[in-house]
Amino acid sequence: MLKRFYVRLFAPGSQGIPVFSGGKAREREVTHLLRLWDAGTGVNQAPGLGPDQAPRQVGANTGDSEGGLVRLADDGFKYPSPSSVLTVTLTPQ
């Protein structure tokens, strides 16, 4: 049984993450370039509390669809900053 998930993900903004500087890859921490995105899977509900979020869903595909439009998370709810959850470091090989 497939259930609708309310997905948030950390990813870079529309400018991406520059890998090269002066033609060379360099090691650096890039967490500050990440943003929180909404995957557009379901109409947003309070994080961890909504009645249509697993495991509180009463059945498959419970809740209203958002139509799959991926966008920056801006729904009025509070989320942790990327740097409080993870650290991303680029290391050339």
PDB file of N, CA and C in Angstrom:
ATOM      1  N   MET A   1       0.845  -1.167   0.000  1.00  0.00           N
ATOM      2  CA  MET A   1       0.000   0.000   0.000  1.00  0.00           C
ATOM      3  C   MET A   1       0.897   1.238   0.000  1.00  0.00           C
ATOM      4  N   LEU A   2       0.740   2.109  -0.961  1.00  0.00           N
ATOM      5  CA  LEU A   2       1.518   3.335  -1.063  1.00  0.00           C
ATOM      6  C   LEU A   2       0.825   4.444  -0.306  1.00  0.00           C
ATOM      7  N   LYS A   3       1.562   5.138   0.521  1.00  0.00           N
ATOM      8  CA  LYS A   3       1.005   6.277   1.237  1.00  0.00           C
ATOM      9  C   LYS A   3       1.662   7.550   0.728  1.00  0.00           C
ATOM     10  N   ARG A   4       0.903   8.622   0.701  1.00  0.00           N
ATOM     11  CA  ARG A   4       1.442   9.910   0.273  1.00  0.00           C
ATOM     12  C   ARG A   4       2.357  10.429   1.371  1.00  0.00           C
ATOM     13  N   PHE A   5       3.541  10.877   0.994  1.00  0.00           N
ATOM     14  CA  PHE A   5       4.498  11.412   1.957  1.00  0.00           C
ATOM     15  C   PHE A   5       4.619  12.914   1.780  1.00  0.00           C
ATOM     16  N   TYR A   6       4.851  13.598   2.857  1.00  0.00           N
ATOM     17  CA  TYR A   6       5.035  15.046   2.838  1.00  0.00           C
ATOM     18  C   TYR A   6       6.531  15.268   2.937  1.00  0.00           C
ATOM     19  N   VAL A   7       7.161  15.457   1.795  1.00  0.00           N
ATOM     20  CA  VAL A   7       8.610  15.385   1.695  1.00  0.00           C
ATOM     21  C   VAL A   7       9.241  16.775   1.694  1.00  0.00           C
ATOM     22  N   ARG A   8      10.259  16.937   2.542  1.00  0.00           N
ATOM     23  CA  ARG A   8      11.138  18.105   2.535  1.00  0.00           C
ATOM     24  C   ARG A   8      12.537  17.565   2.269  1.00  0.00           C
ATOM     25  N   LEU A   9      13.331  18.290   1.538  1.00  0.00           N
ATOM     26  CA  LEU A   9      14.685  17.833   1.258  1.00  0.00           C
ATOM     27  C   LEU A   9      15.644  19.008   1.231  1.00  0.00           C
ATOM     28  N   PHE A  10      16.878  18.742   1.626  1.00  0.00           N
ATOM     29  CA  PHE A  10      17.923  19.749   1.547  1.00  0.00           C
ATOM     30  C   PHE A  10      18.633  19.601   0.211  1.00  0.00           C
ATOM     31  N   ALA A  11      18.766  20.697  -0.511  1.00  0.00           N
ATOM     32  CA  ALA A  11      19.447  20.703  -1.807  1.00  0.00           C
ATOM     33  C   ALA A  11      19.914  22.132  -2.074  1.00  0.00           C
ATOM     34  N   PRO A  12      20.849  22.306  -2.998  1.00  0.00           N
ATOM     35  CA  PRO A  12      21.294  23.662  -3.309  1.00  0.00           C
ATOM     36  C   PRO A  12      20.187  24.472  -3.968  1.00  0.00           C
ATOM     37  N   GLY A  13      20.355  25.785  -3.946  1.00  0.00           N
ATOM     38  CA  GLY A  13      19.432  26.677  -4.637  1.00  0.00           C
ATOM     39  C   GLY A  13      19.592  26.556  -6.137  1.00  0.00           C
ATOM     40  N   SER A  14      18.890  27.390  -6.872  1.00  0.00           N
ATOM     41  CA  SER A  14      18.884  27.294  -8.332  1.00  0.00           C
ATOM     42  C   SER A  14      20.254  27.557  -8.961  1.00  0.00           C
ATOM     43  N   GLN A  15      21.166  28.179  -8.239  1.00  0.00           N
ATOM     44  CA  GLN A  15      22.506  28.442  -8.757  1.00  0.00           C
ATOM     45  C   GLN A  15      23.432  27.235  -8.610  1.00  0.00           C
ATOM     46  N   GLY A  16      22.978  26.199  -7.897  1.00  0.00           N
ATOM     47  CA  GLY A  16      23.809  25.016  -7.687  1.00  0.00           C
ATOM     48  C   GLY A  16      24.956  25.292  -6.734  1.00  0.00           C
ATOM     49  N   ILE A  17      25.939  24.431  -6.740  1.00  0.00           N
ATOM     50  CA  ILE A  17      27.132  24.585  -5.911  1.00  0.00           C
ATOM     51  C   ILE A  17      28.336  24.621  -6.836  1.00  0.00           C
ATOM     52  N   PRO A  18      29.035  25.752  -6.898  1.00  0.00           N
ATOM     53  CA  PRO A  18      30.227  25.799  -7.750  1.00  0.00           C
ATOM     54  C   PRO A  18      31.300  24.851  -7.213  1.00  0.00           C
ATOM     55  N   VAL A  19      31.835  24.048  -8.097  1.00  0.00           N
ATOM     56  CA  VAL A  19      32.819  23.041  -7.701  1.00  0.00           C
ATOM     57  C   VAL A  19      34.236  23.548  -7.934  1.00  0.00           C
ATOM     58  N   PHE A  20      34.423  24.365  -8.948  1.00  0.00           N
ATOM     59  CA  PHE A  20      35.758  24.830  -9.319  1.00  0.00           C
ATOM     60  C   PHE A  20      35.939  26.305  -8.994  1.00  0.00           C
ATOM     61  N   SER A  21      37.139  26.655  -8.637  1.00  0.00           N
ATOM     62  CA  SER A  21      37.530  28.038  -8.407  1.00  0.00           C
ATOM     63  C   SER A  21      38.877  28.241  -9.094  1.00  0.00           C
ATOM     64  N   GLY A  22      38.953  29.160 -10.029  1.00  0.00           N
ATOM     65  CA  GLY A  22      40.196  29.372 -10.768  1.00  0.00           C
ATOM     66  C   GLY A  22      40.613  28.149 -11.565  1.00  0.00           C
ATOM     67  N   GLY A  23      39.623  27.361 -12.021  1.00  0.00           N
ATOM     68  CA  GLY A  23      39.913  26.185 -12.820  1.00  0.00           C
ATOM     69  C   GLY A  23      40.314  24.952 -12.030  1.00  0.00           C
ATOM     70  N   LYS A  24      40.310  25.052 -10.696  1.00  0.00           N
ATOM     71  CA  LYS A  24      40.717  23.913  -9.872  1.00  0.00           C
ATOM     72  C   LYS A  24      39.638  23.594  -8.841  1.00  0.00           C
ATOM     73  N   ALA A  25      39.442  22.294  -8.629  1.00  0.00           N
ATOM     74  CA  ALA A  25      38.542  21.869  -7.562  1.00  0.00           C
ATOM     75  C   ALA A  25      39.261  22.071  -6.237  1.00  0.00           C
ATOM     76  N   ARG A  26      38.510  22.511  -5.245  1.00  0.00           N
ATOM     77  CA  ARG A  26      39.138  22.716  -3.938  1.00  0.00           C
ATOM     78  C   ARG A  26      38.218  22.208  -2.842  1.00  0.00           C
ATOM     79  N   GLU A  27      38.820  21.787  -1.741  1.00  0.00           N
ATOM     80  CA  GLU A  27      38.031  21.306  -0.619  1.00  0.00           C
ATOM     81  C   GLU A  27      37.413  22.495   0.094  1.00  0.00           C
ATOM     82  N   ARG A  28      36.122  22.355   0.392  1.00  0.00           N
ATOM     83  CA  ARG A  28      35.458  23.409   1.158  1.00  0.00           C
ATOM     84  C   ARG A  28      34.122  22.921   1.680  1.00  0.00           C
ATOM     85  N   GLU A  29      33.683  23.549   2.727  1.00  0.00           N
ATOM     86  CA  GLU A  29      32.399  23.241   3.344  1.00  0.00           C
ATOM     87  C   GLU A  29      31.339  24.077   2.613  1.00  0.00           C
ATOM     88  N   VAL A  30      30.228  23.442   2.175  1.00  0.00           N
ATOM     89  CA  VAL A  30      29.220  24.138   1.370  1.00  0.00           C
ATOM     90  C   VAL A  30      27.811  24.065   1.964  1.00  0.00           C
ATOM     91  N   THR A  31      27.702  23.694   3.219  1.00  0.00           N
ATOM     92  CA  THR A  31      26.393  23.565   3.854  1.00  0.00           C
ATOM     93  C   THR A  31      25.592  24.859   3.745  1.00  0.00           C
ATOM     94  N   HIS A  32      26.246  25.985   3.836  1.00  0.00           N
ATOM     95  CA  HIS A  32      25.552  27.277   3.780  1.00  0.00           C
ATOM     96  C   HIS A  32      24.857  27.525   2.438  1.00  0.00           C
ATOM     97  N   LEU A  33      25.176  26.731   1.422  1.00  0.00           N
ATOM     98  CA  LEU A  33      24.554  26.879   0.109  1.00  0.00           C
ATOM     99  C   LEU A  33      23.294  26.020  -0.052  1.00  0.00           C
ATOM    100  N   LEU A  34      22.966  25.232   0.966  1.00  0.00           N
ATOM    101  CA  LEU A  34      21.784  24.379   0.895  1.00  0.00           C
ATOM    102  C   LEU A  34      20.537  25.128   1.341  1.00  0.00           C
ATOM    103  N   ARG A  35      19.410  24.728   0.779  1.00  0.00           N
ATOM    104  CA  ARG A  35      18.108  25.283   1.125  1.00  0.00           C
ATOM    105  C   ARG A  35      17.164  24.112   1.395  1.00  0.00           C
ATOM    106  N   LEU A  36      16.085  24.388   2.097  1.00  0.00           N
ATOM    107  CA  LEU A  36      15.068  23.370   2.345  1.00  0.00           C
ATOM    108  C   LEU A  36      13.998  23.486   1.262  1.00  0.00           C
ATOM    109  N   TRP A  37      13.757  22.383   0.573  1.00  0.00           N
ATOM    110  CA  TRP A  37      12.790  22.342  -0.529  1.00  0.00           C
ATOM    111  C   TRP A  37      11.578  21.510  -0.141  1.00  0.00           C
ATOM    112  N   ASP A  38      10.443  21.846  -0.711  1.00  0.00           N
ATOM    113  CA  ASP A  38       9.198  21.102  -0.565  1.00  0.00           C
ATOM    114  C   ASP A  38       9.016  20.311  -1.860  1.00  0.00           C
ATOM    115  N   ALA A  39       8.884  18.996  -1.772  1.00  0.00           N
ATOM    116  CA  ALA A  39       8.780  18.148  -2.963  1.00  0.00           C
ATOM    117  C   ALA A  39       7.411  18.216  -3.641  1.00  0.00           C
ATOM    118  N   GLY A  40       6.447  18.892  -3.042  1.00  0.00           N
ATOM    119  CA  GLY A  40       5.150  19.063  -3.679  1.00  0.00           C
ATOM    120  C   GLY A  40       4.295  17.807  -3.718  1.00  0.00           C
ATOM    121  N   THR A  41       4.525  16.891  -2.778  1.00  0.00           N
ATOM    122  CA  THR A  41       3.799  15.624  -2.798  1.00  0.00           C
ATOM    123  C   THR A  41       2.427  15.713  -2.145  1.00  0.00           C
ATOM    124  N   GLY A  42       2.298  16.539  -1.111  1.00  0.00           N
ATOM    125  CA  GLY A  42       1.012  16.667  -0.425  1.00  0.00           C
ATOM    126  C   GLY A  42       0.897  18.042   0.205  1.00  0.00           C
ATOM    127  N   VAL A  43      -0.340  18.525   0.370  1.00  0.00           N
ATOM    128  CA  VAL A  43      -0.569  19.827   0.993  1.00  0.00           C
ATOM    129  C   VAL A  43       0.045  19.800   2.387  1.00  0.00           C
ATOM    130  N   ASN A  44       0.811  20.819   2.717  1.00  0.00           N
ATOM    131  CA  ASN A  44       1.594  20.842   3.947  1.00  0.00           C
ATOM    132  C   ASN A  44       0.718  20.876   5.197  1.00  0.00           C
ATOM    133  N   GLN A  45       1.212  20.158   6.195  1.00  0.00           N
ATOM    134  CA  GLN A  45       0.611  20.125   7.518  1.00  0.00           C
ATOM    135  C   GLN A  45       1.734  20.324   8.522  1.00  0.00           C
ATOM    136  N   ALA A  46       1.383  20.654   9.755  1.00  0.00           N
ATOM    137  CA  ALA A  46       2.396  20.863  10.789  1.00  0.00           C
ATOM    138  C   ALA A  46       3.345  19.668  10.834  1.00  0.00           C
ATOM    139  N   PRO A  47       4.666  19.917  10.768  1.00  0.00           N
ATOM    140  CA  PRO A  47       5.640  18.819  10.744  1.00  0.00           C
ATOM    141  C   PRO A  47       5.462  17.849  11.918  1.00  0.00           C
ATOM    142  N   GLY A  48       5.313  16.580  11.581  1.00  0.00           N
ATOM    143  CA  GLY A  48       5.193  15.535  12.590  1.00  0.00           C
ATOM    144  C   GLY A  48       3.848  15.453  13.292  1.00  0.00           C
ATOM    145  N   LEU A  49       2.890  16.296  12.896  1.00  0.00           N
ATOM    146  CA  LEU A  49       1.614  16.333  13.605  1.00  0.00           C
ATOM    147  C   LEU A  49       0.398  16.127  12.714  1.00  0.00           C
ATOM    148  N   GLY A  50       0.522  16.341  11.427  1.00  0.00           N
ATOM    149  CA  GLY A  50      -0.627  16.308  10.528  1.00  0.00           C
ATOM    150  C   GLY A  50      -1.313  14.955  10.472  1.00  0.00           C
ATOM    151  N   PRO A  51      -2.635  14.942  10.370  1.00  0.00           N
ATOM    152  CA  PRO A  51      -3.377  13.690  10.344  1.00  0.00           C
ATOM    153  C   PRO A  51      -3.157  12.866   9.076  1.00  0.00           C
ATOM    154  N   ASP A  52      -2.643  13.473   8.022  1.00  0.00           N
ATOM    155  CA  ASP A  52      -2.417  12.745   6.777  1.00  0.00           C
ATOM    156  C   ASP A  52      -0.959  12.338   6.595  1.00  0.00           C
ATOM    157  N   GLN A  53      -0.169  12.429   7.659  1.00  0.00           N
ATOM    158  CA  GLN A  53       1.236  12.026   7.609  1.00  0.00           C
ATOM    159  C   GLN A  53       1.385  10.635   8.229  1.00  0.00           C
ATOM    160  N   ALA A  54       2.282   9.850   7.629  1.00  0.00           N
ATOM    161  CA  ALA A  54       2.570   8.532   8.211  1.00  0.00           C
ATOM    162  C   ALA A  54       3.144   8.747   9.616  1.00  0.00           C
ATOM    163  N   PRO A  55       2.823   7.958  10.598  1.00  0.00           N
ATOM    164  CA  PRO A  55       1.993   6.756  10.570  1.00  0.00           C
ATOM    165  C   PRO A  55       0.520   7.024  10.915  1.00  0.00           C
ATOM    166  N   ARG A  56       0.081   8.276  10.924  1.00  0.00           N
ATOM    167  CA  ARG A  56      -1.306   8.581  11.296  1.00  0.00           C
ATOM    168  C   ARG A  56      -2.284   8.475  10.131  1.00  0.00           C
ATOM    169  N   GLN A  57      -1.800   8.274   8.914  1.00  0.00           N
ATOM    170  CA  GLN A  57      -2.702   8.161   7.766  1.00  0.00           C
ATOM    171  C   GLN A  57      -3.650   6.985   7.953  1.00  0.00           C
ATOM    172  N   VAL A  58      -4.894   7.186   7.586  1.00  0.00           N
ATOM    173  CA  VAL A  58      -5.878   6.109   7.734  1.00  0.00           C
ATOM    174  C   VAL A  58      -5.875   5.181   6.527  1.00  0.00           C
ATOM    175  N   GLY A  59      -5.258   5.594   5.421  1.00  0.00           N
ATOM    176  CA  GLY A  59      -5.209   4.750   4.233  1.00  0.00           C
ATOM    177  C   GLY A  59      -4.265   5.318   3.200  1.00  0.00           C
ATOM    178  N   ALA A  60      -4.141   4.595   2.107  1.00  0.00           N
ATOM    179  CA  ALA A  60      -3.249   5.015   1.021  1.00  0.00           C
ATOM    180  C   ALA A  60      -3.688   6.352   0.436  1.00  0.00           C
ATOM    181  N   ASN A  61      -2.687   7.190   0.098  1.00  0.00           N
ATOM    182  CA  ASN A  61      -2.927   8.480  -0.554  1.00  0.00           C
ATOM    183  C   ASN A  61      -3.898   9.377   0.201  1.00  0.00           C
ATOM    184  N   THR A  62      -3.829   9.340   1.518  1.00  0.00           N
ATOM    185  CA  THR A  62      -4.672  10.190   2.349  1.00  0.00           C
ATOM    186  C   THR A  62      -4.177  11.623   2.257  1.00  0.00           C
ATOM    187  N   GLY A  63      -5.071  12.550   2.163  1.00  0.00           N
ATOM    188  CA  GLY A  63      -4.704  13.970   2.096  1.00  0.00           C
ATOM    189  C   GLY A  63      -4.716  14.468   0.658  1.00  0.00           C
ATOM    190  N   ASP A  64      -4.682  15.776   0.543  1.00  0.00           N
ATOM    191  CA  ASP A  64      -4.744  16.422  -0.768  1.00  0.00           C
ATOM    192  C   ASP A  64      -3.378  16.495  -1.418  1.00  0.00           C
ATOM    193  N   SER A  65      -3.334  16.249  -2.712  1.00  0.00           N
ATOM    194  CA  SER A  65      -2.089  16.313  -3.476  1.00  0.00           C
ATOM    195  C   SER A  65      -1.719  17.763  -3.758  1.00  0.00           C
ATOM    196  N   GLU A  66      -0.415  18.021  -3.834  1.00  0.00           N
ATOM    197  CA  GLU A  66       0.073  19.343  -4.232  1.00  0.00           C
ATOM    198  C   GLU A  66       0.470  19.369  -5.702  1.00  0.00           C
ATOM    199  N   GLY A  67       0.363  18.259  -6.383  1.00  0.00           N
ATOM    200  CA  GLY A  67       0.626  18.214  -7.809  1.00  0.00           C
ATOM    201  C   GLY A  67       2.079  18.097  -8.208  1.00  0.00           C
ATOM    202  N   GLY A  68       2.980  17.854  -7.254  1.00  0.00           N
ATOM    203  CA  GLY A  68       4.374  17.599  -7.585  1.00  0.00           C
ATOM    204  C   GLY A  68       5.212  18.812  -7.926  1.00  0.00           C
ATOM    205  N   LEU A  69       4.768  20.015  -7.590  1.00  0.00           N
ATOM    206  CA  LEU A  69       5.550  21.216  -7.857  1.00  0.00           C
ATOM    207  C   LEU A  69       6.625  21.374  -6.786  1.00  0.00           C
ATOM    208  N   VAL A  70       7.882  21.191  -7.162  1.00  0.00           N
ATOM    209  CA  VAL A  70       8.997  21.322  -6.229  1.00  0.00           C
ATOM    210  C   VAL A  70       9.328  22.812  -6.093  1.00  0.00           C
ATOM    211  N   ARG A  71       9.435  23.284  -4.845  1.00  0.00           N
ATOM    212  CA  ARG A  71       9.722  24.699  -4.585  1.00  0.00           C
ATOM    213  C   ARG A  71      10.365  24.835  -3.210  1.00  0.00           C
ATOM    214  N   LEU A  72      10.942  25.994  -2.955  1.00  0.00           N
ATOM    215  CA  LEU A  72      11.505  26.242  -1.628  1.00  0.00           C
ATOM    216  C   LEU A  72      10.403  26.125  -0.584  1.00  0.00           C
ATOM    217  N   ALA A  73      10.722  25.509   0.535  1.00  0.00           N
ATOM    218  CA  ALA A  73       9.744  25.349   1.616  1.00  0.00           C
ATOM    219  C   ALA A  73       9.445  26.723   2.212  1.00  0.00           C
ATOM    220  N   ASP A  74       8.213  27.131   2.096  1.00  0.00           N
ATOM    221  CA  ASP A  74       7.770  28.429   2.617  1.00  0.00           C
ATOM    222  C   ASP A  74       6.293  28.298   2.950  1.00  0.00           C
ATOM    223  N   ASP A  75       6.002  27.487   3.969  1.00  0.00           N
ATOM    224  CA  ASP A  75       4.613  27.193   4.300  1.00  0.00           C
ATOM    225  C   ASP A  75       4.192  27.715   5.670  1.00  0.00           C
ATOM    226  N   GLY A  76       5.064  28.504   6.310  1.00  0.00           N
ATOM    227  CA  GLY A  76       4.735  29.064   7.612  1.00  0.00           C
ATOM    228  C   GLY A  76       5.116  28.187   8.794  1.00  0.00           C
ATOM    229  N   PHE A  77       5.531  26.946   8.529  1.00  0.00           N
ATOM    230  CA  PHE A  77       5.965  26.063   9.616  1.00  0.00           C
ATOM    231  C   PHE A  77       7.455  26.260   9.864  1.00  0.00           C
ATOM    232  N   LYS A  78       7.910  25.884  11.064  1.00  0.00           N
ATOM    233  CA  LYS A  78       9.328  26.024  11.408  1.00  0.00           C
ATOM    234  C   LYS A  78      10.063  24.719  11.121  1.00  0.00           C
ATOM    235  N   TYR A  79      11.235  24.860  10.479  1.00  0.00           N
ATOM    236  CA  TYR A  79      12.085  23.717  10.160  1.00  0.00           C
ATOM    237  C   TYR A  79      13.505  24.044  10.607  1.00  0.00           C
ATOM    238  N   PRO A  80      14.313  23.016  10.887  1.00  0.00           N
ATOM    239  CA  PRO A  80      15.706  23.279  11.266  1.00  0.00           C
ATOM    240  C   PRO A  80      16.491  23.822  10.082  1.00  0.00           C
ATOM    241  N   SER A  81      17.512  24.600  10.370  1.00  0.00           N
ATOM    242  CA  SER A  81      18.392  25.086   9.307  1.00  0.00           C
ATOM    243  C   SER A  81      19.249  23.922   8.831  1.00  0.00           C
ATOM    244  N   PRO A  82      19.689  23.955   7.572  1.00  0.00           N
ATOM    245  CA  PRO A  82      20.543  22.867   7.082  1.00  0.00           C
ATOM    246  C   PRO A  82      21.753  22.624   7.981  1.00  0.00           C
ATOM    247  N   SER A  83      22.401  23.693   8.450  1.00  0.00           N
ATOM    248  CA  SER A  83      23.625  23.521   9.236  1.00  0.00           C
ATOM    249  C   SER A  83      23.382  22.899  10.612  1.00  0.00           C
ATOM    250  N   SER A  84      22.142  22.900  11.094  1.00  0.00           N
ATOM    251  CA  SER A  84      21.854  22.260  12.379  1.00  0.00           C
ATOM    252  C   SER A  84      21.563  20.761  12.198  1.00  0.00           C
ATOM    253  N   VAL A  85      21.456  20.308  10.946  1.00  0.00           N
ATOM    254  CA  VAL A  85      21.114  18.921  10.669  1.00  0.00           C
ATOM    255  C   VAL A  85      22.262  18.158  10.012  1.00  0.00           C
ATOM    256  N   LEU A  86      23.047  18.842   9.180  1.00  0.00           N
ATOM    257  CA  LEU A  86      24.103  18.161   8.430  1.00  0.00           C
ATOM    258  C   LEU A  86      25.229  19.122   8.077  1.00  0.00           C
ATOM    259  N   THR A  87      26.329  18.536   7.626  1.00  0.00           N
ATOM    260  CA  THR A  87      27.458  19.294   7.116  1.00  0.00           C
ATOM    261  C   THR A  87      27.851  18.668   5.784  1.00  0.00           C
ATOM    262  N   VAL A  88      28.005  19.499   4.765  1.00  0.00           N
ATOM    263  CA  VAL A  88      28.407  19.013   3.438  1.00  0.00           C
ATOM    264  C   VAL A  88      29.750  19.631   3.086  1.00  0.00           C
ATOM    265  N   THR A  89      30.732  18.769   2.825  1.00  0.00           N
ATOM    266  CA  THR A  89      32.069  19.209   2.455  1.00  0.00           C
ATOM    267  C   THR A  89      32.443  18.600   1.116  1.00  0.00           C
ATOM    268  N   LEU A  90      32.891  19.426   0.193  1.00  0.00           N
ATOM    269  CA  LEU A  90      33.400  18.937  -1.096  1.00  0.00           C
ATOM    270  C   LEU A  90      34.882  18.621  -0.927  1.00  0.00           C
ATOM    271  N   THR A  91      35.277  17.440  -1.361  1.00  0.00           N
ATOM    272  CA  THR A  91      36.676  17.033  -1.275  1.00  0.00           C
ATOM    273  C   THR A  91      37.106  16.485  -2.626  1.00  0.00           C
ATOM    274  N   PRO A  92      37.998  17.181  -3.341  1.00  0.00           N
ATOM    275  CA  PRO A  92      38.465  16.669  -4.646  1.00  0.00           C
ATOM    276  C   PRO A  92      39.259  15.391  -4.463  1.00  0.00           C
ATOM    277  N   GLN A  93      39.150  14.500  -5.419  1.00  0.00           N
ATOM    278  CA  GLN A  93      39.886  13.235  -5.377  1.00  0.00           C
ATOM    279  C   GLN A  93      40.990  13.240  -6.396  1.00  0.00           C
TER     280      GLN A  93
END
